[in-house]
Amino acid sequence: MPLKFATLGALMAAALLAGCSTTSSDSAKEPVAAESGSSRCEASAAQFAIGKKASPELLDQARAKAGAQNARFLKPNDMITLEYRSDRLNLNTDNNLVVTRVNCG
């Protein structure tokens, strides 16, 4: 009977560990993603947006001048994730959608 439990336990442990492993194709894709996000955001280049009304055109202009890959508007009560991305431009707005702060992350 103890041999059955030991065999079952070993089989379950192997199944759990197999679920945590990665394949070589997954690890080969990761460096490519890191290389594509290599441009860094320069918030000082997008300071011109402060005081202007939020619009898709303003977002695109600020993103291009800052050299960022991505850009977003952040309203006062927006829920955001806390990860830092050096290639993302944030344009913080007030309740009237006027840009009050520019930063990267």
PDB file of N, CA and C in Angstrom:
ATOM      1  N   MET A   1       0.805  -1.195   0.000  1.00  0.00           N
ATOM      2  CA  MET A   1       0.000   0.000   0.000  1.00  0.00           C
ATOM      3  C   MET A   1       0.858   1.274   0.000  1.00  0.00           C
ATOM      4  N   PRO A   2       1.927   1.386   0.846  1.00  0.00           N
ATOM      5  CA  PRO A   2       2.754   2.595   0.816  1.00  0.00           C
ATOM      6  C   PRO A   2       3.422   2.802  -0.531  1.00  0.00           C
ATOM      7  N   LEU A   3       3.708   1.730  -1.255  1.00  0.00           N
ATOM      8  CA  LEU A   3       4.336   1.868  -2.568  1.00  0.00           C
ATOM      9  C   LEU A   3       3.374   2.565  -3.546  1.00  0.00           C
ATOM     10  N   LYS A   4       2.085   2.263  -3.439  1.00  0.00           N
ATOM     11  CA  LYS A   4       1.087   2.909  -4.307  1.00  0.00           C
ATOM     12  C   LYS A   4       1.034   4.414  -4.033  1.00  0.00           C
ATOM     13  N   PHE A   5       1.072   4.805  -2.748  1.00  0.00           N
ATOM     14  CA  PHE A   5       1.040   6.228  -2.402  1.00  0.00           C
ATOM     15  C   PHE A   5       2.300   6.945  -2.878  1.00  0.00           C
ATOM     16  N   ALA A   6       3.435   6.299  -2.745  1.00  0.00           N
ATOM     17  CA  ALA A   6       4.692   6.900  -3.197  1.00  0.00           C
ATOM     18  C   ALA A   6       4.684   7.076  -4.708  1.00  0.00           C
ATOM     19  N   THR A   7       4.194   6.071  -5.429  1.00  0.00           N
ATOM     20  CA  THR A   7       4.130   6.165  -6.885  1.00  0.00           C
ATOM     21  C   THR A   7       3.142   7.246  -7.312  1.00  0.00           C
ATOM     22  N   LEU A   8       1.986   7.291  -6.669  1.00  0.00           N
ATOM     23  CA  LEU A   8       0.982   8.307  -6.983  1.00  0.00           C
ATOM     24  C   LEU A   8       1.511   9.704  -6.660  1.00  0.00           C
ATOM     25  N   GLY A   9       2.205   9.833  -5.530  1.00  0.00           N
ATOM     26  CA  GLY A   9       2.783  11.127  -5.161  1.00  0.00           C
ATOM     27  C   GLY A   9       3.839  11.577  -6.149  1.00  0.00           C
ATOM     28  N   ALA A  10       4.692  10.678  -6.586  1.00  0.00           N
ATOM     29  CA  ALA A  10       5.727  11.017  -7.567  1.00  0.00           C
ATOM     30  C   ALA A  10       5.101  11.407  -8.896  1.00  0.00           C
ATOM     31  N   LEU A  11       4.055  10.698  -9.296  1.00  0.00           N
ATOM     32  CA  LEU A  11       3.358  11.014 -10.550  1.00  0.00           C
ATOM     33  C   LEU A  11       2.702  12.389 -10.491  1.00  0.00           C
ATOM     34  N   MET A  12       2.097  12.721  -9.360  1.00  0.00           N
ATOM     35  CA  MET A  12       1.457  14.039  -9.221  1.00  0.00           C
ATOM     36  C   MET A  12       2.504  15.149  -9.185  1.00  0.00           C
ATOM     37  N   ALA A  13       3.626  14.926  -8.523  1.00  0.00           N
ATOM     38  CA  ALA A  13       4.686  15.929  -8.473  1.00  0.00           C
ATOM     39  C   ALA A  13       5.254  16.174  -9.867  1.00  0.00           C
ATOM     40  N   ALA A  14       5.431  15.120 -10.640  1.00  0.00           N
ATOM     41  CA  ALA A  14       5.939  15.270 -12.006  1.00  0.00           C
ATOM     42  C   ALA A  14       4.948  16.051 -12.865  1.00  0.00           C
ATOM     43  N   ALA A  15       3.657  15.794 -12.697  1.00  0.00           N
ATOM     44  CA  ALA A  15       2.642  16.508 -13.475  1.00  0.00           C
ATOM     45  C   ALA A  15       2.624  17.994 -13.108  1.00  0.00           C
ATOM     46  N   LEU A  16       2.759  18.305 -11.826  1.00  0.00           N
ATOM     47  CA  LEU A  16       2.772  19.705 -11.401  1.00  0.00           C
ATOM     48  C   LEU A  16       4.006  20.424 -11.922  1.00  0.00           C
ATOM     49  N   LEU A  17       5.152  19.788 -11.855  1.00  0.00           N
ATOM     50  CA  LEU A  17       6.373  20.418 -12.342  1.00  0.00           C
ATOM     51  C   LEU A  17       6.369  20.580 -13.855  1.00  0.00           C
ATOM     52  N   ALA A  18       5.742  19.665 -14.561  1.00  0.00           N
ATOM     53  CA  ALA A  18       5.666  19.778 -16.022  1.00  0.00           C
ATOM     54  C   ALA A  18       4.840  20.993 -16.426  1.00  0.00           C
ATOM     55  N   GLY A  19       3.856  21.346 -15.645  1.00  0.00           N
ATOM     56  CA  GLY A  19       3.042  22.520 -15.929  1.00  0.00           C
ATOM     57  C   GLY A  19       3.789  23.820 -15.735  1.00  0.00           C
ATOM     58  N   CYS A  20       4.843  23.812 -14.943  1.00  0.00           N
ATOM     59  CA  CYS A  20       5.626  25.026 -14.672  1.00  0.00           C
ATOM     60  C   CYS A  20       6.785  25.223 -15.634  1.00  0.00           C
ATOM     61  N   SER A  21       7.079  24.226 -16.434  1.00  0.00           N
ATOM     62  CA  SER A  21       8.230  24.336 -17.330  1.00  0.00           C
ATOM     63  C   SER A  21       7.866  25.104 -18.595  1.00  0.00           C
ATOM     64  N   THR A  22       8.881  25.642 -19.251  1.00  0.00           N
ATOM     65  CA  THR A  22       8.673  26.348 -20.515  1.00  0.00           C
ATOM     66  C   THR A  22       9.373  25.588 -21.621  1.00  0.00           C
ATOM     67  N   THR A  23       8.899  25.780 -22.820  1.00  0.00           N
ATOM     68  CA  THR A  23       9.534  25.132 -23.958  1.00  0.00           C
ATOM     69  C   THR A  23      10.584  26.049 -24.547  1.00  0.00           C
ATOM     70  N   SER A  24      11.410  25.513 -25.389  1.00  0.00           N
ATOM     71  CA  SER A  24      12.473  26.329 -25.981  1.00  0.00           C
ATOM     72  C   SER A  24      11.905  27.388 -26.921  1.00  0.00           C
ATOM     73  N   SER A  25      10.749  27.150 -27.529  1.00  0.00           N
ATOM     74  CA  SER A  25      10.168  28.149 -28.422  1.00  0.00           C
ATOM     75  C   SER A  25       9.676  29.370 -27.646  1.00  0.00           C
ATOM     76  N   ASP A  26       9.203  29.173 -26.387  1.00  0.00           N
ATOM     77  CA  ASP A  26       8.791  30.311 -25.565  1.00  0.00           C
ATOM     78  C   ASP A  26       9.984  31.180 -25.205  1.00  0.00           C
ATOM     79  N   SER A  27      11.093  30.574 -24.838  1.00  0.00           N
ATOM     80  CA  SER A  27      12.254  31.364 -24.448  1.00  0.00           C
ATOM     81  C   SER A  27      12.900  32.038 -25.649  1.00  0.00           C
ATOM     82  N   ALA A  28      12.724  31.474 -26.838  1.00  0.00           N
ATOM     83  CA  ALA A  28      13.282  32.095 -28.038  1.00  0.00           C
ATOM     84  C   ALA A  28      12.509  33.359 -28.409  1.00  0.00           C
ATOM     85  N   LYS A  29      11.230  33.431 -28.072  1.00  0.00           N
ATOM     86  CA  LYS A  29      10.415  34.604 -28.399  1.00  0.00           C
ATOM     87  C   LYS A  29      10.683  35.766 -27.458  1.00  0.00           C
ATOM     88  N   GLU A  30      11.097  35.504 -26.245  1.00  0.00           N
ATOM     89  CA  GLU A  30      11.260  36.560 -25.242  1.00  0.00           C
ATOM     90  C   GLU A  30      12.292  37.618 -25.614  1.00  0.00           C
ATOM     91  N   PRO A  31      13.496  37.274 -26.076  1.00  0.00           N
ATOM     92  CA  PRO A  31      14.444  38.323 -26.442  1.00  0.00           C
ATOM     93  C   PRO A  31      13.957  39.211 -27.579  1.00  0.00           C
ATOM     94  N   VAL A  32      13.174  38.668 -28.499  1.00  0.00           N
ATOM     95  CA  VAL A  32      12.655  39.467 -29.601  1.00  0.00           C
ATOM     96  C   VAL A  32      11.730  40.549 -29.062  1.00  0.00           C
ATOM     97  N   ALA A  33      10.881  40.202 -28.096  1.00  0.00           N
ATOM     98  CA  ALA A  33       9.979  41.189 -27.505  1.00  0.00           C
ATOM     99  C   ALA A  33      10.768  42.260 -26.772  1.00  0.00           C
ATOM    100  N   ALA A  34      11.837  41.878 -26.115  1.00  0.00           N
ATOM    101  CA  ALA A  34      12.639  42.853 -25.394  1.00  0.00           C
ATOM    102  C   ALA A  34      13.340  43.813 -26.358  1.00  0.00           C
ATOM    103  N   GLU A  35      13.778  43.311 -27.497  1.00  0.00           N
ATOM    104  CA  GLU A  35      14.443  44.170 -28.470  1.00  0.00           C
ATOM    105  C   GLU A  35      13.488  45.163 -29.103  1.00  0.00           C
ATOM    106  N   SER A  36      12.226  44.752 -29.337  1.00  0.00           N
ATOM    107  CA  SER A  36      11.280  45.655 -29.987  1.00  0.00           C
ATOM    108  C   SER A  36      10.867  46.797 -29.067  1.00  0.00           C
ATOM    109  N   GLY A  37      10.976  46.624 -27.744  1.00  0.00           N
ATOM    110  CA  GLY A  37      10.616  47.682 -26.810  1.00  0.00           C
ATOM    111  C   GLY A  37      11.829  48.427 -26.290  1.00  0.00           C
ATOM    112  N   SER A  38      12.856  48.538 -27.108  1.00  0.00           N
ATOM    113  CA  SER A  38      14.116  49.096 -26.636  1.00  0.00           C
ATOM    114  C   SER A  38      14.137  50.625 -26.600  1.00  0.00           C
ATOM    115  N   SER A  39      13.200  51.292 -27.261  1.00  0.00           N
ATOM    116  CA  SER A  39      13.236  52.759 -27.248  1.00  0.00           C
ATOM    117  C   SER A  39      12.754  53.264 -25.892  1.00  0.00           C
ATOM    118  N   ARG A  40      13.433  54.281 -25.401  1.00  0.00           N
ATOM    119  CA  ARG A  40      13.110  54.828 -24.098  1.00  0.00           C
ATOM    120  C   ARG A  40      12.311  56.113 -24.256  1.00  0.00           C
ATOM    121  N   CYS A  41      11.464  56.343 -23.309  1.00  0.00           N
ATOM    122  CA  CYS A  41      10.613  57.523 -23.286  1.00  0.00           C
ATOM    123  C   CYS A  41      11.374  58.698 -22.665  1.00  0.00           C
ATOM    124  N   GLU A  42      11.261  59.868 -23.274  1.00  0.00           N
ATOM    125  CA  GLU A  42      11.840  61.103 -22.735  1.00  0.00           C
ATOM    126  C   GLU A  42      10.693  62.080 -22.465  1.00  0.00           C
ATOM    127  N   ALA A  43      10.222  62.106 -21.241  1.00  0.00           N
ATOM    128  CA  ALA A  43       9.050  62.917 -20.886  1.00  0.00           C
ATOM    129  C   ALA A  43       9.287  64.405 -21.103  1.00  0.00           C
ATOM    130  N   SER A  44      10.503  64.866 -20.961  1.00  0.00           N
ATOM    131  CA  SER A  44      10.781  66.295 -21.124  1.00  0.00           C
ATOM    132  C   SER A  44      10.446  66.776 -22.537  1.00  0.00           C
ATOM    133  N   ALA A  45      10.538  65.894 -23.522  1.00  0.00           N
ATOM    134  CA  ALA A  45      10.228  66.272 -24.903  1.00  0.00           C
ATOM    135  C   ALA A  45       8.727  66.427 -25.135  1.00  0.00           C
ATOM    136  N   ALA A  46       7.908  65.923 -24.222  1.00  0.00           N
ATOM    137  CA  ALA A  46       6.455  65.999 -24.373  1.00  0.00           C
ATOM    138  C   ALA A  46       5.819  67.010 -23.424  1.00  0.00           C
ATOM    139  N   GLN A  47       6.620  67.836 -22.768  1.00  0.00           N
ATOM    140  CA  GLN A  47       6.089  68.828 -21.823  1.00  0.00           C
ATOM    141  C   GLN A  47       5.172  69.851 -22.499  1.00  0.00           C
ATOM    142  N   PHE A  48       5.300  69.997 -23.812  1.00  0.00           N
ATOM    143  CA  PHE A  48       4.444  70.948 -24.532  1.00  0.00           C
ATOM    144  C   PHE A  48       2.963  70.622 -24.385  1.00  0.00           C
ATOM    145  N   ALA A  49       2.638  69.377 -24.024  1.00  0.00           N
ATOM    146  CA  ALA A  49       1.240  68.939 -23.933  1.00  0.00           C
ATOM    147  C   ALA A  49       0.541  69.453 -22.681  1.00  0.00           C
ATOM    148  N   ILE A  50       1.301  69.898 -21.686  1.00  0.00           N
ATOM    149  CA  ILE A  50       0.690  70.372 -20.440  1.00  0.00           C
ATOM    150  C   ILE A  50      -0.163  71.608 -20.722  1.00  0.00           C
ATOM    151  N   GLY A  51      -1.387  71.573 -20.226  1.00  0.00           N
ATOM    152  CA  GLY A  51      -2.323  72.677 -20.416  1.00  0.00           C
ATOM    153  C   GLY A  51      -3.207  72.516 -21.640  1.00  0.00           C
ATOM    154  N   LYS A  52      -2.957  71.497 -22.459  1.00  0.00           N
ATOM    155  CA  LYS A  52      -3.767  71.283 -23.663  1.00  0.00           C
ATOM    156  C   LYS A  52      -4.833  70.226 -23.404  1.00  0.00           C
ATOM    157  N   LYS A  53      -5.919  70.325 -24.171  1.00  0.00           N
ATOM    158  CA  LYS A  53      -7.028  69.388 -24.066  1.00  0.00           C
ATOM    159  C   LYS A  53      -6.626  68.042 -24.668  1.00  0.00           C
ATOM    160  N   ALA A  54      -6.965  66.955 -23.993  1.00  0.00           N
ATOM    161  CA  ALA A  54      -6.633  65.608 -24.452  1.00  0.00           C
ATOM    162  C   ALA A  54      -7.339  65.292 -25.767  1.00  0.00           C
ATOM    163  N   SER A  55      -6.587  64.766 -26.713  1.00  0.00           N
ATOM    164  CA  SER A  55      -7.133  64.339 -28.000  1.00  0.00           C
ATOM    165  C   SER A  55      -6.220  63.260 -28.568  1.00  0.00           C
ATOM    166  N   PRO A  56      -6.726  62.444 -29.475  1.00  0.00           N
ATOM    167  CA  PRO A  56      -5.878  61.421 -30.098  1.00  0.00           C
ATOM    168  C   PRO A  56      -4.673  62.022 -30.822  1.00  0.00           C
ATOM    169  N   GLU A  57      -4.870  63.190 -31.431  1.00  0.00           N
ATOM    170  CA  GLU A  57      -3.771  63.847 -32.142  1.00  0.00           C
ATOM    171  C   GLU A  57      -2.677  64.283 -31.175  1.00  0.00           C
ATOM    172  N   LEU A  58      -3.080  64.860 -30.033  1.00  0.00           N
ATOM    173  CA  LEU A  58      -2.111  65.286 -29.021  1.00  0.00           C
ATOM    174  C   LEU A  58      -1.343  64.083 -28.478  1.00  0.00           C
ATOM    175  N   LEU A  59      -2.044  62.998 -28.234  1.00  0.00           N
ATOM    176  CA  LEU A  59      -1.407  61.783 -27.722  1.00  0.00           C
ATOM    177  C   LEU A  59      -0.356  61.275 -28.702  1.00  0.00           C
ATOM    178  N   ASP A  60      -0.698  61.254 -29.980  1.00  0.00           N
ATOM    179  CA  ASP A  60       0.240  60.765 -30.984  1.00  0.00           C
ATOM    180  C   ASP A  60       1.443  61.696 -31.131  1.00  0.00           C
ATOM    181  N   GLN A  61       1.210  63.007 -31.115  1.00  0.00           N
ATOM    182  CA  GLN A  61       2.317  63.969 -31.207  1.00  0.00           C
ATOM    183  C   GLN A  61       3.260  63.838 -30.016  1.00  0.00           C
ATOM    184  N   ALA A  62       2.698  63.743 -28.814  1.00  0.00           N
ATOM    185  CA  ALA A  62       3.518  63.632 -27.606  1.00  0.00           C
ATOM    186  C   ALA A  62       4.301  62.325 -27.600  1.00  0.00           C
ATOM    187  N   ARG A  63       3.670  61.235 -28.015  1.00  0.00           N
ATOM    188  CA  ARG A  63       4.347  59.943 -28.077  1.00  0.00           C
ATOM    189  C   ARG A  63       5.527  60.005 -29.038  1.00  0.00           C
ATOM    190  N   ALA A  64       5.313  60.590 -30.204  1.00  0.00           N
ATOM    191  CA  ALA A  64       6.376  60.674 -31.208  1.00  0.00           C
ATOM    192  C   ALA A  64       7.537  61.546 -30.720  1.00  0.00           C
ATOM    193  N   LYS A  65       7.229  62.703 -30.133  1.00  0.00           N
ATOM    194  CA  LYS A  65       8.305  63.594 -29.658  1.00  0.00           C
ATOM    195  C   LYS A  65       9.077  62.984 -28.497  1.00  0.00           C
ATOM    196  N   ALA A  66       8.395  62.205 -27.654  1.00  0.00           N
ATOM    197  CA  ALA A  66       9.049  61.583 -26.503  1.00  0.00           C
ATOM    198  C   ALA A  66       9.819  60.330 -26.901  1.00  0.00           C
ATOM    199  N   GLY A  67       9.593  59.826 -28.104  1.00  0.00           N
ATOM    200  CA  GLY A  67      10.272  58.612 -28.539  1.00  0.00           C
ATOM    201  C   GLY A  67       9.739  57.359 -27.874  1.00  0.00           C
ATOM    202  N   ALA A  68       8.507  57.403 -27.407  1.00  0.00           N
ATOM    203  CA  ALA A  68       7.903  56.271 -26.699  1.00  0.00           C
ATOM    204  C   ALA A  68       7.228  55.317 -27.679  1.00  0.00           C
ATOM    205  N   GLN A  69       7.179  54.053 -27.308  1.00  0.00           N
ATOM    206  CA  GLN A  69       6.474  53.057 -28.107  1.00  0.00           C
ATOM    207  C   GLN A  69       4.965  53.172 -27.904  1.00  0.00           C
ATOM    208  N   ASN A  70       4.543  53.461 -26.669  1.00  0.00           N
ATOM    209  CA  ASN A  70       3.135  53.537 -26.304  1.00  0.00           C
ATOM    210  C   ASN A  70       2.879  54.828 -25.553  1.00  0.00           C
ATOM    211  N   ALA A  71       1.624  55.257 -25.567  1.00  0.00           N
ATOM    212  CA  ALA A  71       1.231  56.437 -24.798  1.00  0.00           C
ATOM    213  C   ALA A  71      -0.211  56.259 -24.355  1.00  0.00           C
ATOM    214  N   ARG A  72      -0.541  56.895 -23.241  1.00  0.00           N
ATOM    215  CA  ARG A  72      -1.914  56.806 -22.733  1.00  0.00           C
ATOM    216  C   ARG A  72      -2.263  58.045 -21.931  1.00  0.00           C
ATOM    217  N   PHE A  73      -3.559  58.339 -21.879  1.00  0.00           N
ATOM    218  CA  PHE A  73      -4.079  59.378 -21.006  1.00  0.00           C
ATOM    219  C   PHE A  73      -4.501  58.717 -19.704  1.00  0.00           C
ATOM    220  N   LEU A  74      -4.220  59.367 -18.603  1.00  0.00           N
ATOM    221  CA  LEU A  74      -4.637  58.881 -17.289  1.00  0.00           C
ATOM    222  C   LEU A  74      -5.494  59.943 -16.627  1.00  0.00           C
ATOM    223  N   LYS A  75      -6.777  59.613 -16.438  1.00  0.00           N
ATOM    224  CA  LYS A  75      -7.690  60.530 -15.760  1.00  0.00           C
ATOM    225  C   LYS A  75      -7.557  60.345 -14.246  1.00  0.00           C
ATOM    226  N   PRO A  76      -8.035  61.295 -13.432  1.00  0.00           N
ATOM    227  CA  PRO A  76      -7.818  61.242 -11.979  1.00  0.00           C
ATOM    228  C   PRO A  76      -8.249  59.941 -11.308  1.00  0.00           C
ATOM    229  N   ASN A  77      -9.331  59.337 -11.715  1.00  0.00           N
ATOM    230  CA  ASN A  77      -9.826  58.139 -11.032  1.00  0.00           C
ATOM    231  C   ASN A  77      -9.614  56.862 -11.829  1.00  0.00           C
ATOM    232  N   ASP A  78      -8.757  56.897 -12.831  1.00  0.00           N
ATOM    233  CA  ASP A  78      -8.478  55.696 -13.614  1.00  0.00           C
ATOM    234  C   ASP A  78      -7.717  54.672 -12.772  1.00  0.00           C
ATOM    235  N   MET A  79      -8.074  53.416 -12.952  1.00  0.00           N
ATOM    236  CA  MET A  79      -7.327  52.335 -12.317  1.00  0.00           C
ATOM    237  C   MET A  79      -6.194  51.950 -13.257  1.00  0.00           C
ATOM    238  N   ILE A  80      -4.994  51.861 -12.724  1.00  0.00           N
ATOM    239  CA  ILE A  80      -3.836  51.531 -13.552  1.00  0.00           C
ATOM    240  C   ILE A  80      -3.035  50.421 -12.887  1.00  0.00           C
ATOM    241  N   THR A  81      -2.262  49.732 -13.706  1.00  0.00           N
ATOM    242  CA  THR A  81      -1.355  48.729 -13.174  1.00  0.00           C
ATOM    243  C   THR A  81      -0.083  49.425 -12.712  1.00  0.00           C
ATOM    244  N   LEU A  82       0.682  48.776 -11.870  1.00  0.00           N
ATOM    245  CA  LEU A  82       1.847  49.408 -11.279  1.00  0.00           C
ATOM    246  C   LEU A  82       3.163  49.011 -11.941  1.00  0.00           C
ATOM    247  N   GLU A  83       3.119  48.324 -13.065  1.00  0.00           N
ATOM    248  CA  GLU A  83       4.384  47.964 -13.703  1.00  0.00           C
ATOM    249  C   GLU A  83       4.987  49.191 -14.372  1.00  0.00           C
ATOM    250  N   TYR A  84       6.296  49.279 -14.338  1.00  0.00           N
ATOM    251  CA  TYR A  84       6.995  50.393 -14.957  1.00  0.00           C
ATOM    252  C   TYR A  84       7.462  49.974 -16.334  1.00  0.00           C
ATOM    253  N   ARG A  85       7.133  50.755 -17.343  1.00  0.00           N
ATOM    254  CA  ARG A  85       7.583  50.495 -18.705  1.00  0.00           C
ATOM    255  C   ARG A  85       8.309  51.730 -19.201  1.00  0.00           C
ATOM    256  N   SER A  86       9.584  51.584 -19.472  1.00  0.00           N
ATOM    257  CA  SER A  86      10.399  52.726 -19.878  1.00  0.00           C
ATOM    258  C   SER A  86      10.067  53.214 -21.280  1.00  0.00           C
ATOM    259  N   ASP A  87       9.257  52.458 -22.017  1.00  0.00           N
ATOM    260  CA  ASP A  87       8.893  52.854 -23.377  1.00  0.00           C
ATOM    261  C   ASP A  87       7.476  53.425 -23.471  1.00  0.00           C
ATOM    262  N   ARG A  88       6.842  53.726 -22.317  1.00  0.00           N
ATOM    263  CA  ARG A  88       5.457  54.224 -22.322  1.00  0.00           C
ATOM    264  C   ARG A  88       5.382  55.643 -21.767  1.00  0.00           C
ATOM    265  N   LEU A  89       4.635  56.505 -22.466  1.00  0.00           N
ATOM    266  CA  LEU A  89       4.405  57.883 -22.043  1.00  0.00           C
ATOM    267  C   LEU A  89       3.030  57.982 -21.398  1.00  0.00           C
ATOM    268  N   ASN A  90       2.965  58.622 -20.235  1.00  0.00           N
ATOM    269  CA  ASN A  90       1.703  58.857 -19.538  1.00  0.00           C
ATOM    270  C   ASN A  90       1.396  60.346 -19.573  1.00  0.00           C
ATOM    271  N   LEU A  91       0.193  60.681 -20.018  1.00  0.00           N
ATOM    272  CA  LEU A  91      -0.287  62.056 -19.971  1.00  0.00           C
ATOM    273  C   LEU A  91      -1.426  62.094 -18.949  1.00  0.00           C
ATOM    274  N   ASN A  92      -1.147  62.655 -17.784  1.00  0.00           N
ATOM    275  CA  ASN A  92      -2.150  62.741 -16.721  1.00  0.00           C
ATOM    276  C   ASN A  92      -3.041  63.950 -16.969  1.00  0.00           C
ATOM    277  N   THR A  93      -4.350  63.757 -16.800  1.00  0.00           N
ATOM    278  CA  THR A  93      -5.310  64.832 -17.046  1.00  0.00           C
ATOM    279  C   THR A  93      -6.126  65.115 -15.784  1.00  0.00           C
ATOM    280  N   ASP A  94      -6.793  66.270 -15.805  1.00  0.00           N
ATOM    281  CA  ASP A  94      -7.742  66.560 -14.746  1.00  0.00           C
ATOM    282  C   ASP A  94      -9.118  66.065 -15.193  1.00  0.00           C
ATOM    283  N   ASN A  95     -10.154  66.389 -14.423  1.00  0.00           N
ATOM    284  CA  ASN A  95     -11.506  65.927 -14.779  1.00  0.00           C
ATOM    285  C   ASN A  95     -12.024  66.541 -16.069  1.00  0.00           C
ATOM    286  N   ASN A  96     -11.471  67.685 -16.491  1.00  0.00           N
ATOM    287  CA  ASN A  96     -11.878  68.335 -17.742  1.00  0.00           C
ATOM    288  C   ASN A  96     -11.041  67.876 -18.937  1.00  0.00           C
ATOM    289  N   LEU A  97     -10.223  66.839 -18.733  1.00  0.00           N
ATOM    290  CA  LEU A  97      -9.351  66.261 -19.774  1.00  0.00           C
ATOM    291  C   LEU A  97      -8.276  67.225 -20.259  1.00  0.00           C
ATOM    292  N   VAL A  98      -7.803  68.080 -19.372  1.00  0.00           N
ATOM    293  CA  VAL A  98      -6.693  68.963 -19.679  1.00  0.00           C
ATOM    294  C   VAL A  98      -5.433  68.311 -19.072  1.00  0.00           C
ATOM    295  N   VAL A  99      -4.385  68.202 -19.853  1.00  0.00           N
ATOM    296  CA  VAL A  99      -3.167  67.545 -19.405  1.00  0.00           C
ATOM    297  C   VAL A  99      -2.506  68.369 -18.307  1.00  0.00           C
ATOM    298  N   THR A 100      -2.218  67.708 -17.168  1.00  0.00           N
ATOM    299  CA  THR A 100      -1.615  68.376 -16.020  1.00  0.00           C
ATOM    300  C   THR A 100      -0.199  67.894 -15.727  1.00  0.00           C
ATOM    301  N   ARG A 101       0.162  66.712 -16.223  1.00  0.00           N
ATOM    302  CA  ARG A 101       1.464  66.146 -15.912  1.00  0.00           C
ATOM    303  C   ARG A 101       1.858  65.170 -17.012  1.00  0.00           C
ATOM    304  N   VAL A 102       3.141  65.111 -17.307  1.00  0.00           N
ATOM    305  CA  VAL A 102       3.687  64.192 -18.309  1.00  0.00           C
ATOM    306  C   VAL A 102       4.815  63.404 -17.652  1.00  0.00           C
ATOM    307  N   ASN A 103       4.744  62.076 -17.758  1.00  0.00           N
ATOM    308  CA  ASN A 103       5.820  61.239 -17.221  1.00  0.00           C
ATOM    309  C   ASN A 103       5.899  59.922 -17.992  1.00  0.00           C
ATOM    310  N   CYS A 104       6.972  59.223 -17.804  1.00  0.00           N
ATOM    311  CA  CYS A 104       7.157  57.924 -18.440  1.00  0.00           C
ATOM    312  C   CYS A 104       6.898  56.824 -17.424  1.00  0.00           C
ATOM    313  N   GLY A 105       6.531  55.681 -17.918  1.00  0.00           N
ATOM    314  CA  GLY A 105       6.326  54.545 -17.016  1.00  0.00           C
ATOM    315  C   GLY A 105       5.166  53.738 -17.302  1.00  0.00           C
TER     316      GLY A 105
END
